[in-house]
Amino acid sequence: MTQPLNVLDESPFARAIVNTELTHLRELAANLERYDAGSTDDFAVAIDMVLRGRFNQAELAAEFKVSPGTISRWRAGRSCPPQYARATIVDRIREMLVTSANEIKSRTLHPVSTQAA
């Protein structure tokens, strides 16, 4: 049986791809630190960037117990939750991004065994 290999120990190409993804997630999380909870425009931009970068509408809808249509309206700036809720949502998204980065960092690849079954 073949042992799993850490993706960071793979080829230079694999390391470059993983590092790019990690950098992107960390930068996105760091940029959310600058979010202005009083700005509905900042909230729409934050939702848009997260949807482009890592999560889909269904994932965010499930996380925040709203419909995908609500996420779509938030993204387009047609509606948004109250200021206190926006701050909580952005904080939780930041946590989700950090968790995703940590999961990617620890991800392993399982090479296919060449032994006959």
C-alpha atoms as a PDB file:
ATOM      1  CA  MET A   1       0.000   0.000   0.000  1.00  0.00           C
ATOM      2  CA  THR A   2       1.317   3.438  -0.905  1.00  0.00           C
ATOM      3  CA  GLN A   3       1.735   6.063   1.832  1.00  0.00           C
ATOM      4  CA  PRO A   4      -0.010   9.426   1.350  1.00  0.00           C
ATOM      5  CA  LEU A   5       2.253  12.232   0.233  1.00  0.00           C
ATOM      6  CA  ASN A   6       1.905  15.765   1.510  1.00  0.00           C
ATOM      7  CA  VAL A   7       1.010  17.989  -1.437  1.00  0.00           C
ATOM      8  CA  LEU A   8       3.721  20.452  -0.368  1.00  0.00           C
ATOM      9  CA  ASP A   9       6.295  17.687  -0.863  1.00  0.00           C
ATOM     10  CA  GLU A  10       5.197  17.098  -4.449  1.00  0.00           C
ATOM     11  CA  SER A  11       6.542  18.659  -7.628  1.00  0.00           C
ATOM     12  CA  PRO A  12       7.515  22.319  -7.879  1.00  0.00           C
ATOM     13  CA  PHE A  13       4.337  22.861  -9.915  1.00  0.00           C
ATOM     14  CA  ALA A  14       2.121  21.415  -7.164  1.00  0.00           C
ATOM     15  CA  ARG A  15       3.904  23.522  -4.532  1.00  0.00           C
ATOM     16  CA  ALA A  16       3.442  26.649  -6.651  1.00  0.00           C
ATOM     17  CA  ILE A  17      -0.289  26.008  -7.095  1.00  0.00           C
ATOM     18  CA  VAL A  18      -0.826  25.341  -3.387  1.00  0.00           C
ATOM     19  CA  ASN A  19       1.222  28.386  -2.395  1.00  0.00           C
ATOM     20  CA  THR A  20      -0.775  30.580  -4.772  1.00  0.00           C
ATOM     21  CA  GLU A  21      -4.060  29.352  -3.307  1.00  0.00           C
ATOM     22  CA  LEU A  22      -2.807  29.811   0.258  1.00  0.00           C
ATOM     23  CA  THR A  23      -1.569  33.314  -0.493  1.00  0.00           C
ATOM     24  CA  HIS A  24      -4.885  34.249  -2.087  1.00  0.00           C
ATOM     25  CA  LEU A  25      -6.927  33.011   0.890  1.00  0.00           C
ATOM     26  CA  ARG A  26      -4.653  34.693   3.430  1.00  0.00           C
ATOM     27  CA  GLU A  27      -4.715  38.006   1.556  1.00  0.00           C
ATOM     28  CA  LEU A  28      -8.479  37.874   1.217  1.00  0.00           C
ATOM     29  CA  ALA A  29      -8.831  37.202   4.964  1.00  0.00           C
ATOM     30  CA  ALA A  30      -6.370  40.010   5.762  1.00  0.00           C
ATOM     31  CA  ASN A  31      -8.219  42.462   3.516  1.00  0.00           C
ATOM     32  CA  LEU A  32     -11.446  41.707   5.356  1.00  0.00           C
ATOM     33  CA  GLU A  33      -9.746  43.179   8.443  1.00  0.00           C
ATOM     34  CA  ARG A  34     -10.181  46.570   6.744  1.00  0.00           C
ATOM     35  CA  TYR A  35     -13.899  46.083   6.245  1.00  0.00           C
ATOM     36  CA  ASP A  36     -15.996  49.075   7.334  1.00  0.00           C
ATOM     37  CA  ALA A  37     -19.043  47.619   9.129  1.00  0.00           C
ATOM     38  CA  GLY A  38     -20.921  50.856   8.525  1.00  0.00           C
ATOM     39  CA  SER A  39     -20.577  50.607   4.757  1.00  0.00           C
ATOM     40  CA  THR A  40     -23.186  48.670   2.833  1.00  0.00           C
ATOM     41  CA  ASP A  41     -20.961  48.991  -0.249  1.00  0.00           C
ATOM     42  CA  ASP A  42     -18.040  47.335   1.578  1.00  0.00           C
ATOM     43  CA  PHE A  43     -20.359  44.503   2.603  1.00  0.00           C
ATOM     44  CA  ALA A  44     -21.437  43.900  -1.011  1.00  0.00           C
ATOM     45  CA  VAL A  45     -17.794  43.937  -2.152  1.00  0.00           C
ATOM     46  CA  ALA A  46     -16.792  41.520   0.636  1.00  0.00           C
ATOM     47  CA  ILE A  47     -19.541  39.065  -0.336  1.00  0.00           C
ATOM     48  CA  ASP A  48     -18.636  39.376  -4.030  1.00  0.00           C
ATOM     49  CA  MET A  49     -14.929  38.772  -3.418  1.00  0.00           C
ATOM     50  CA  VAL A  50     -15.562  35.733  -1.225  1.00  0.00           C
ATOM     51  CA  LEU A  51     -17.906  34.257  -3.827  1.00  0.00           C
ATOM     52  CA  ARG A  52     -15.283  34.788  -6.513  1.00  0.00           C
ATOM     53  CA  GLY A  53     -12.463  33.480  -4.393  1.00  0.00           C
ATOM     54  CA  ARG A  54     -13.569  30.481  -2.394  1.00  0.00           C
ATOM     55  CA  PHE A  55     -17.192  29.811  -1.523  1.00  0.00           C
ATOM     56  CA  ASN A  56     -20.384  29.545  -3.533  1.00  0.00           C
ATOM     57  CA  GLN A  57     -23.794  31.033  -2.809  1.00  0.00           C
ATOM     58  CA  ALA A  58     -25.196  27.762  -1.470  1.00  0.00           C
ATOM     59  CA  GLU A  59     -22.322  27.400   1.021  1.00  0.00           C
ATOM     60  CA  LEU A  60     -22.734  30.936   2.332  1.00  0.00           C
ATOM     61  CA  ALA A  61     -26.519  30.584   2.430  1.00  0.00           C
ATOM     62  CA  ALA A  62     -26.219  27.403   4.507  1.00  0.00           C
ATOM     63  CA  GLU A  63     -23.642  28.964   6.827  1.00  0.00           C
ATOM     64  CA  PHE A  64     -25.767  32.044   7.524  1.00  0.00           C
ATOM     65  CA  LYS A  65     -29.152  30.296   7.331  1.00  0.00           C
ATOM     66  CA  VAL A  66     -30.488  32.455   4.515  1.00  0.00           C
ATOM     67  CA  SER A  67     -31.551  31.632   0.968  1.00  0.00           C
ATOM     68  CA  PRO A  68     -29.107  31.686  -1.965  1.00  0.00           C
ATOM     69  CA  GLY A  69     -31.279  34.516  -3.315  1.00  0.00           C
ATOM     70  CA  THR A  70     -30.470  36.556  -0.213  1.00  0.00           C
ATOM     71  CA  ILE A  71     -26.752  36.002  -0.798  1.00  0.00           C
ATOM     72  CA  SER A  72     -27.274  37.129  -4.407  1.00  0.00           C
ATOM     73  CA  ARG A  73     -29.028  40.314  -3.254  1.00  0.00           C
ATOM     74  CA  TRP A  74     -26.261  41.007  -0.709  1.00  0.00           C
ATOM     75  CA  ARG A  75     -23.656  40.543  -3.427  1.00  0.00           C
ATOM     76  CA  ALA A  76     -25.453  42.925  -5.782  1.00  0.00           C
ATOM     77  CA  GLY A  77     -25.961  45.501  -3.018  1.00  0.00           C
ATOM     78  CA  ARG A  78     -29.759  45.326  -3.379  1.00  0.00           C
ATOM     79  CA  SER A  79     -30.166  44.421   0.296  1.00  0.00           C
ATOM     80  CA  CYS A  80     -28.041  43.748   3.337  1.00  0.00           C
ATOM     81  CA  PRO A  81     -28.458  42.774   6.953  1.00  0.00           C
ATOM     82  CA  PRO A  82     -28.227  45.308   9.809  1.00  0.00           C
ATOM     83  CA  GLN A  83     -24.775  46.693  10.637  1.00  0.00           C
ATOM     84  CA  TYR A  84     -24.212  44.457  13.694  1.00  0.00           C
ATOM     85  CA  ALA A  85     -25.049  41.373  11.613  1.00  0.00           C
ATOM     86  CA  ARG A  86     -22.787  42.474   8.737  1.00  0.00           C
ATOM     87  CA  ALA A  87     -19.825  42.701  11.106  1.00  0.00           C
ATOM     88  CA  THR A  88     -20.567  39.218  12.474  1.00  0.00           C
ATOM     89  CA  ILE A  89     -20.952  37.783   8.968  1.00  0.00           C
ATOM     90  CA  VAL A  90     -17.668  39.275   7.748  1.00  0.00           C
ATOM     91  CA  ASP A  91     -15.868  38.030  10.889  1.00  0.00           C
ATOM     92  CA  ARG A  92     -17.234  34.522  10.284  1.00  0.00           C
ATOM     93  CA  ILE A  93     -16.213  34.633   6.609  1.00  0.00           C
ATOM     94  CA  ARG A  94     -12.705  35.626   7.689  1.00  0.00           C
ATOM     95  CA  GLU A  95     -12.624  32.601  10.025  1.00  0.00           C
ATOM     96  CA  MET A  96     -13.861  30.362   7.200  1.00  0.00           C
ATOM     97  CA  LEU A  97     -11.083  31.598   4.917  1.00  0.00           C
ATOM     98  CA  VAL A  98      -8.413  30.949   7.553  1.00  0.00           C
ATOM     99  CA  THR A  99      -9.827  27.470   8.153  1.00  0.00           C
ATOM    100  CA  SER A 100      -9.780  26.793   4.401  1.00  0.00           C
ATOM    101  CA  ALA A 101      -6.161  27.908   4.184  1.00  0.00           C
ATOM    102  CA  ASN A 102      -5.225  25.631   7.077  1.00  0.00           C
ATOM    103  CA  GLU A 103      -7.039  22.702   5.462  1.00  0.00           C
ATOM    104  CA  ILE A 104      -5.262  23.258   2.161  1.00  0.00           C
ATOM    105  CA  LYS A 105      -1.930  23.475   3.917  1.00  0.00           C
ATOM    106  CA  SER A 106      -2.466  20.108   5.574  1.00  0.00           C
ATOM    107  CA  ARG A 107      -4.086  18.425   2.544  1.00  0.00           C
ATOM    108  CA  THR A 108      -2.545  15.184   1.363  1.00  0.00           C
ATOM    109  CA  LEU A 109      -2.538  13.454  -1.969  1.00  0.00           C
ATOM    110  CA  HIS A 110      -2.943   9.723  -2.170  1.00  0.00           C
ATOM    111  CA  PRO A 111      -1.010   8.381  -5.152  1.00  0.00           C
ATOM    112  CA  VAL A 112      -2.597   5.518  -7.010  1.00  0.00           C
ATOM    113  CA  SER A 113      -0.989   2.215  -6.121  1.00  0.00           C
ATOM    114  CA  THR A 114       0.481   0.283  -9.024  1.00  0.00           C
ATOM    115  CA  GLN A 115      -0.197  -3.042  -7.319  1.00  0.00           C
ATOM    116  CA  ALA A 116      -2.818  -5.286  -8.883  1.00  0.00           C
ATOM    117  CA  ALA A 117      -6.066  -5.522  -6.942  1.00  0.00           C
END
